Amino acid sequence: MTSWKRMTAIIATAMIGSALVSSPASAGAGTYLLGPDETLGSGQSLGTANGIALTMQGDGNLVEYAPGNRPVWASGTNRSGSILRMQSDGNAVVIAPGNVAVWSTGTNGNPNATLELQTDGNLVVYAQGHVARWANGVSVSTGSNGAAEQASAILANRNITLQTVHVSGVVDNPDASARQNIVDTSNGLQAARSAYGGAPGGRVSLDPRMLTALRQIGAEGALRVSEIAGGSHSTGSRHYAGRAFDLDQYGGRSTTTIVNRCRQLGATLAQFESGNHVHCEWT
């Protein structure tokens, strides 16, 4: 199922229909599956034997976590007290207080479908006969090569443009460009840092959490990455630690949307800087 990469977030009340019920069953503790008319309540989680979890957070965001509490996917919803319901019509829906649908898989018309969290990290809606109808496309590595896998996925995503030059215009080590940082990481190598201005030179391993977030934001729309480990930044910048990226094009999305999305995906600092880019970092 890891090849099923289509990811949608169709929020359409017309598709939700009459399957909203007032007293649904709840998923059993520790299960990896939501069956028809079962609900994941606020603060509850699905979980796999290898430590992957899908949590309906109290803030209303449905988030998938890899082992180590590393966020790898999120619905991007933020209505406190929301629940996730697997409706009997086959649609998985995040429902906010007041019975308001704020996110769905758009898979109605598949009665008695199930929502399954797989051990490979893929969250899938299966119709009867175990036919996949929707998936979030996540692939989680529980080994040491998570960064390489995420970097490879970033390179394969045509939504994501990786700059080959520095915003400063300084001609530097070509390995320190955003694109080459990702290429090298995909090949199991460390990413190069710049050696001009305050940059320290040398190489650094890119953080899988940061790469996962970049991959996710790119899956949701076009973007351009201007810097990762390269460029000259302030002293102690998380760029130099391989834990930050800068974006300067967002595919029509607002800077506020991108900042909030970085935060939802675990960034400890996300902000619009210098009037020309969004900076997101992980500690």
Protein backbone atom coordinates (compact mmCIF):
# COMPACT_ATOMS: atom_id res chain seq x y z
CA MET A 1 0.00 0.00 0.00
CA THR A 2 2.98 2.33 0.26
CA SER A 3 2.62 3.15 -3.44
CA TRP A 4 -0.78 4.73 -2.86
CA LYS A 5 0.22 8.37 -2.73
CA ARG A 6 -2.96 10.32 -3.46
CA MET A 7 -3.77 12.73 -0.68
CA THR A 8 -6.91 14.86 -0.47
CA ALA A 9 -8.63 16.98 2.11
CA ILE A 10 -12.13 17.52 0.77
CA ILE A 11 -14.22 19.60 3.10
CA ALA A 12 -17.70 19.39 1.65
CA THR A 13 -20.74 19.20 3.88
CA ALA A 14 -22.77 17.90 0.97
CA MET A 15 -20.57 14.84 0.93
CA ILE A 16 -20.92 14.35 4.67
CA GLY A 17 -24.67 13.90 4.35
CA SER A 18 -26.97 12.30 6.85
CA ALA A 19 -24.45 9.93 8.37
CA LEU A 20 -23.65 12.32 11.24
CA VAL A 21 -25.02 10.66 14.34
CA SER A 22 -25.28 11.85 17.92
CA SER A 23 -24.03 8.79 19.80
CA PRO A 24 -21.40 6.89 17.81
CA ALA A 25 -19.36 4.00 19.12
CA SER A 26 -15.78 4.71 20.17
CA ALA A 27 -12.67 2.93 18.99
CA GLY A 28 -11.15 0.52 21.46
CA ALA A 29 -7.97 1.59 23.25
CA GLY A 30 -4.78 0.72 21.40
CA THR A 31 -6.49 -0.16 18.12
CA TYR A 32 -5.07 0.75 14.71
CA LEU A 33 -8.48 0.86 13.00
CA LEU A 34 -11.73 2.84 13.00
CA GLY A 35 -14.72 0.83 11.83
CA PRO A 36 -18.08 2.11 10.56
CA ASP A 37 -19.68 4.62 12.96
CA GLU A 38 -16.69 4.55 15.30
CA THR A 39 -15.21 7.76 16.68
CA LEU A 40 -11.81 8.95 17.81
CA GLY A 41 -12.58 11.44 20.54
CA SER A 42 -10.61 14.49 21.62
CA GLY A 43 -7.35 13.31 23.16
CA GLN A 44 -7.71 9.74 21.86
CA SER A 45 -5.31 7.91 19.53
CA LEU A 46 -5.03 5.01 17.15
CA GLY A 47 -1.70 3.20 17.40
CA THR A 48 0.42 0.57 15.69
CA ALA A 49 2.66 -2.05 17.24
CA ASN A 50 5.77 -0.24 15.98
CA GLY A 51 4.94 3.05 17.68
CA ILE A 52 3.11 5.11 15.05
CA ALA A 53 0.11 7.05 16.38
CA LEU A 54 -2.84 9.01 14.99
CA THR A 55 -4.08 11.48 17.61
CA MET A 56 -7.21 13.63 17.67
CA GLN A 57 -5.65 16.47 19.60
CA GLY A 58 -7.54 18.67 22.01
CA ASP A 59 -6.84 21.69 19.81
CA GLY A 60 -8.80 20.05 16.98
CA ASN A 61 -5.86 19.00 14.82
CA LEU A 62 -5.71 15.37 13.67
CA VAL A 63 -2.00 14.49 13.70
CA GLU A 64 -0.01 11.40 12.80
CA TYR A 65 3.16 10.85 14.81
CA ALA A 66 6.13 8.64 14.00
CA PRO A 67 8.07 7.00 16.84
CA GLY A 68 9.72 9.62 19.03
CA ASN A 69 6.64 11.86 18.89
CA ARG A 70 7.66 13.19 15.47
CA PRO A 71 4.72 14.70 13.53
CA VAL A 72 4.54 13.43 9.94
CA TRP A 73 1.06 14.48 8.81
CA ALA A 74 -1.81 16.66 10.02
CA SER A 75 -5.30 17.62 8.91
CA GLY A 76 -4.58 21.29 9.58
CA THR A 77 -7.81 21.76 11.55
CA ASN A 78 -7.95 23.85 14.72
CA ARG A 79 -11.42 23.70 16.28
CA SER A 80 -10.98 22.66 19.92
CA GLY A 81 -13.01 19.65 20.99
CA SER A 82 -13.30 18.17 17.49
CA ILE A 83 -13.65 14.43 16.91
CA LEU A 84 -12.79 12.08 14.04
CA ARG A 85 -15.69 9.91 12.88
CA MET A 86 -15.57 7.02 10.42
CA GLN A 87 -19.06 7.28 8.98
CA SER A 88 -21.02 4.29 7.77
CA ASP A 89 -21.07 5.81 4.25
CA GLY A 90 -17.27 5.46 4.08
CA ASN A 91 -16.29 9.06 4.73
CA ALA A 92 -13.80 9.84 7.53
CA VAL A 93 -14.69 13.25 8.92
CA VAL A 94 -13.26 15.66 11.50
CA ILE A 95 -16.30 17.19 13.18
CA ALA A 96 -16.10 20.34 15.29
CA PRO A 97 -18.50 21.20 18.13
CA GLY A 98 -21.92 22.05 16.76
CA ASN A 99 -21.73 19.10 14.34
CA VAL A 100 -19.69 21.12 11.84
CA ALA A 101 -17.57 19.12 9.38
CA VAL A 102 -14.15 20.78 8.97
CA TRP A 103 -12.19 18.09 7.11
CA SER A 104 -12.92 14.81 5.36
CA THR A 105 -11.38 12.16 3.13
CA GLY A 106 -14.18 12.61 0.58
CA THR A 107 -14.79 8.86 0.40
CA ASN A 108 -18.54 8.69 0.91
CA GLY A 109 -20.28 6.11 -1.27
CA ASN A 110 -18.20 3.29 0.21
CA PRO A 111 -20.49 1.82 2.88
CA ASN A 112 -18.82 0.03 5.78
CA ALA A 113 -15.34 1.23 4.84
CA THR A 114 -12.65 1.36 7.52
CA LEU A 115 -9.86 3.80 8.35
CA GLU A 116 -6.60 1.96 9.04
CA LEU A 117 -3.26 3.20 10.37
CA GLN A 118 -0.64 0.92 8.86
CA THR A 119 2.75 0.00 10.29
CA ASP A 120 4.42 1.72 7.31
CA GLY A 121 2.80 5.02 8.35
CA ASN A 122 0.20 5.16 5.60
CA LEU A 123 -3.29 6.13 6.80
CA VAL A 124 -5.77 4.49 4.43
CA VAL A 125 -9.54 4.32 3.89
CA TYR A 126 -10.37 0.80 2.73
CA ALA A 127 -13.69 -0.09 1.09
CA GLN A 128 -15.15 -3.58 1.31
CA GLY A 129 -12.78 -6.12 -0.19
CA HIS A 130 -9.86 -4.10 1.25
CA VAL A 131 -9.81 -1.77 -1.75
CA ALA A 132 -7.98 1.49 -1.01
CA ARG A 133 -10.07 4.63 -1.62
CA TRP A 134 -7.90 7.30 0.03
CA ALA A 135 -4.48 7.52 1.68
CA ASN A 136 -2.38 10.29 3.20
CA GLY A 137 0.72 8.94 1.47
CA VAL A 138 2.93 8.95 4.56
CA SER A 139 5.86 6.54 4.70
CA VAL A 140 7.51 6.25 8.09
CA SER A 141 10.94 4.76 8.61
CA THR A 142 11.63 3.45 12.09
CA GLY A 143 15.31 3.05 11.24
CA SER A 144 18.12 5.55 10.81
CA ASN A 145 17.42 6.48 7.19
CA GLY A 146 14.31 8.61 7.72
CA ALA A 147 16.04 11.77 6.48
CA ALA A 148 17.11 10.08 3.24
CA GLU A 149 13.59 8.81 2.60
CA GLN A 150 12.02 12.21 3.23
CA ALA A 151 14.60 13.94 1.03
CA SER A 152 13.92 11.49 -1.80
CA ALA A 153 10.20 12.21 -1.52
CA ILE A 154 10.87 15.95 -1.63
CA LEU A 155 12.90 15.57 -4.83
CA ALA A 156 10.08 13.56 -6.39
CA ASN A 157 7.45 16.22 -5.61
CA ARG A 158 7.05 18.64 -8.52
CA ASN A 159 5.30 21.12 -6.20
CA ILE A 160 8.61 21.76 -4.44
CA THR A 161 11.19 23.99 -6.12
CA LEU A 162 14.64 23.93 -4.53
CA GLN A 163 16.86 26.93 -5.20
CA THR A 164 20.30 26.33 -6.71
CA VAL A 165 21.64 29.78 -5.75
CA HIS A 166 21.65 31.84 -2.56
CA VAL A 167 19.22 34.70 -2.02
CA SER A 168 22.19 36.90 -1.10
CA GLY A 169 23.62 36.49 -4.60
CA VAL A 170 26.92 35.29 -3.16
CA VAL A 171 28.52 32.57 -5.27
CA ASP A 172 29.40 29.88 -2.76
CA ASN A 173 30.07 26.17 -2.51
CA PRO A 174 27.42 24.73 -4.92
CA ASP A 175 26.83 21.88 -2.47
CA ALA A 176 25.39 24.42 0.00
CA SER A 177 22.37 25.25 -2.18
CA ALA A 178 18.94 24.13 -1.01
CA ARG A 179 18.67 21.68 -3.88
CA GLN A 180 22.06 20.08 -3.33
CA ASN A 181 21.36 19.85 0.41
CA ILE A 182 18.35 17.67 -0.41
CA VAL A 183 20.13 15.68 -3.13
CA ASP A 184 23.01 14.84 -0.79
CA THR A 185 20.65 13.92 2.04
CA SER A 186 18.68 11.61 -0.27
CA ASN A 187 21.97 9.81 -0.96
CA GLY A 188 22.70 9.35 2.73
CA LEU A 189 25.23 12.20 2.92
CA GLN A 190 25.38 15.24 5.17
CA ALA A 191 24.31 18.62 3.79
CA ALA A 192 26.90 21.32 3.13
CA ARG A 193 26.83 24.68 4.92
CA SER A 194 28.05 27.92 3.37
CA ALA A 195 31.39 29.44 4.36
CA TYR A 196 30.78 33.17 3.81
CA GLY A 197 29.60 35.85 6.21
CA GLY A 198 28.82 34.23 9.55
CA ALA A 199 28.33 30.76 8.10
CA PRO A 200 30.61 28.09 9.63
CA GLY A 201 31.23 25.85 6.62
CA GLY A 202 31.43 22.10 6.98
CA ARG A 203 28.51 19.70 6.79
CA VAL A 204 25.52 18.75 8.94
CA SER A 205 22.80 16.08 9.00
CA LEU A 206 19.34 17.42 8.16
CA ASP A 207 16.66 16.80 10.79
CA PRO A 208 13.99 14.29 9.64
CA ARG A 209 11.28 16.31 11.45
CA MET A 210 12.09 19.37 9.42
CA LEU A 211 12.19 17.39 6.18
CA THR A 212 8.88 15.70 6.98
CA ALA A 213 7.22 19.07 7.48
CA LEU A 214 8.70 20.42 4.25
CA ARG A 215 7.46 17.36 2.39
CA GLN A 216 3.97 17.76 3.87
CA ILE A 217 3.66 21.47 3.08
CA GLY A 218 4.81 20.73 -0.46
CA ALA A 219 2.23 17.97 -0.79
CA GLU A 220 -0.45 20.56 -0.06
CA GLY A 221 0.64 23.15 -2.65
CA ALA A 222 3.50 24.67 -4.60
CA LEU A 223 6.41 26.27 -2.76
CA ARG A 224 10.02 27.32 -3.24
CA VAL A 225 12.79 26.61 -0.75
CA SER A 226 15.44 29.33 -0.72
CA GLU A 227 17.78 28.05 2.01
CA ILE A 228 18.25 25.03 4.26
CA ALA A 229 21.76 24.51 5.69
CA GLY A 230 23.36 27.00 3.30
CA GLY A 231 23.42 30.79 3.30
CA SER A 232 24.63 33.24 5.95
CA HIS A 233 22.37 33.66 8.97
CA SER A 234 22.53 34.99 12.53
CA THR A 235 24.89 33.42 15.05
CA GLY A 236 23.52 30.13 16.36
CA SER A 237 20.96 29.85 13.55
CA ARG A 238 19.12 26.53 13.38
CA HIS A 239 20.00 26.50 9.67
CA TYR A 240 23.55 25.63 10.69
CA ALA A 241 22.20 22.72 12.76
CA GLY A 242 20.22 21.35 9.80
CA ARG A 243 16.93 22.15 11.51
CA ALA A 244 15.47 25.07 9.55
CA PHE A 245 14.30 26.05 6.09
CA ASP A 246 13.28 29.29 4.41
CA LEU A 247 10.46 29.54 1.85
CA ASP A 248 10.02 32.50 -0.49
CA GLN A 249 7.15 31.29 -2.71
CA TYR A 250 3.99 29.66 -1.40
CA GLY A 251 1.79 28.67 -4.32
CA GLY A 252 -0.82 31.33 -3.66
CA ARG A 253 -1.06 30.61 0.05
CA SER A 254 -0.64 33.45 2.53
CA THR A 255 2.42 33.76 4.72
CA THR A 256 0.14 33.33 7.74
CA THR A 257 -1.10 30.01 6.36
CA ILE A 258 2.46 28.76 5.89
CA VAL A 259 3.56 29.96 9.34
CA ASN A 260 0.60 28.24 11.00
CA ARG A 261 1.20 25.05 9.01
CA CYS A 262 4.82 24.89 10.16
CA ARG A 263 3.67 25.24 13.75
CA GLN A 264 1.07 22.51 13.30
CA LEU A 265 3.84 20.25 12.00
CA GLY A 266 5.99 20.78 15.06
CA ALA A 267 8.11 23.86 14.32
CA THR A 268 9.24 25.57 17.52
CA LEU A 269 9.63 28.86 15.66
CA ALA A 270 7.84 29.93 12.48
CA GLN A 271 7.62 33.52 11.28
CA PHE A 272 7.64 35.84 8.28
CA GLU A 273 11.07 37.48 8.11
CA SER A 274 12.67 40.42 6.28
CA GLY A 275 9.52 40.98 4.25
CA ASN A 276 10.44 38.23 1.79
CA HIS A 277 10.42 34.74 3.31
CA VAL A 278 8.92 32.40 5.90
CA HIS A 279 11.41 30.85 8.31
CA CYS A 280 10.54 27.57 10.09
CA GLU A 281 12.82 25.83 12.58
CA TRP A 282 12.92 22.87 14.95
CA THR A 283 14.92 22.69 18.20
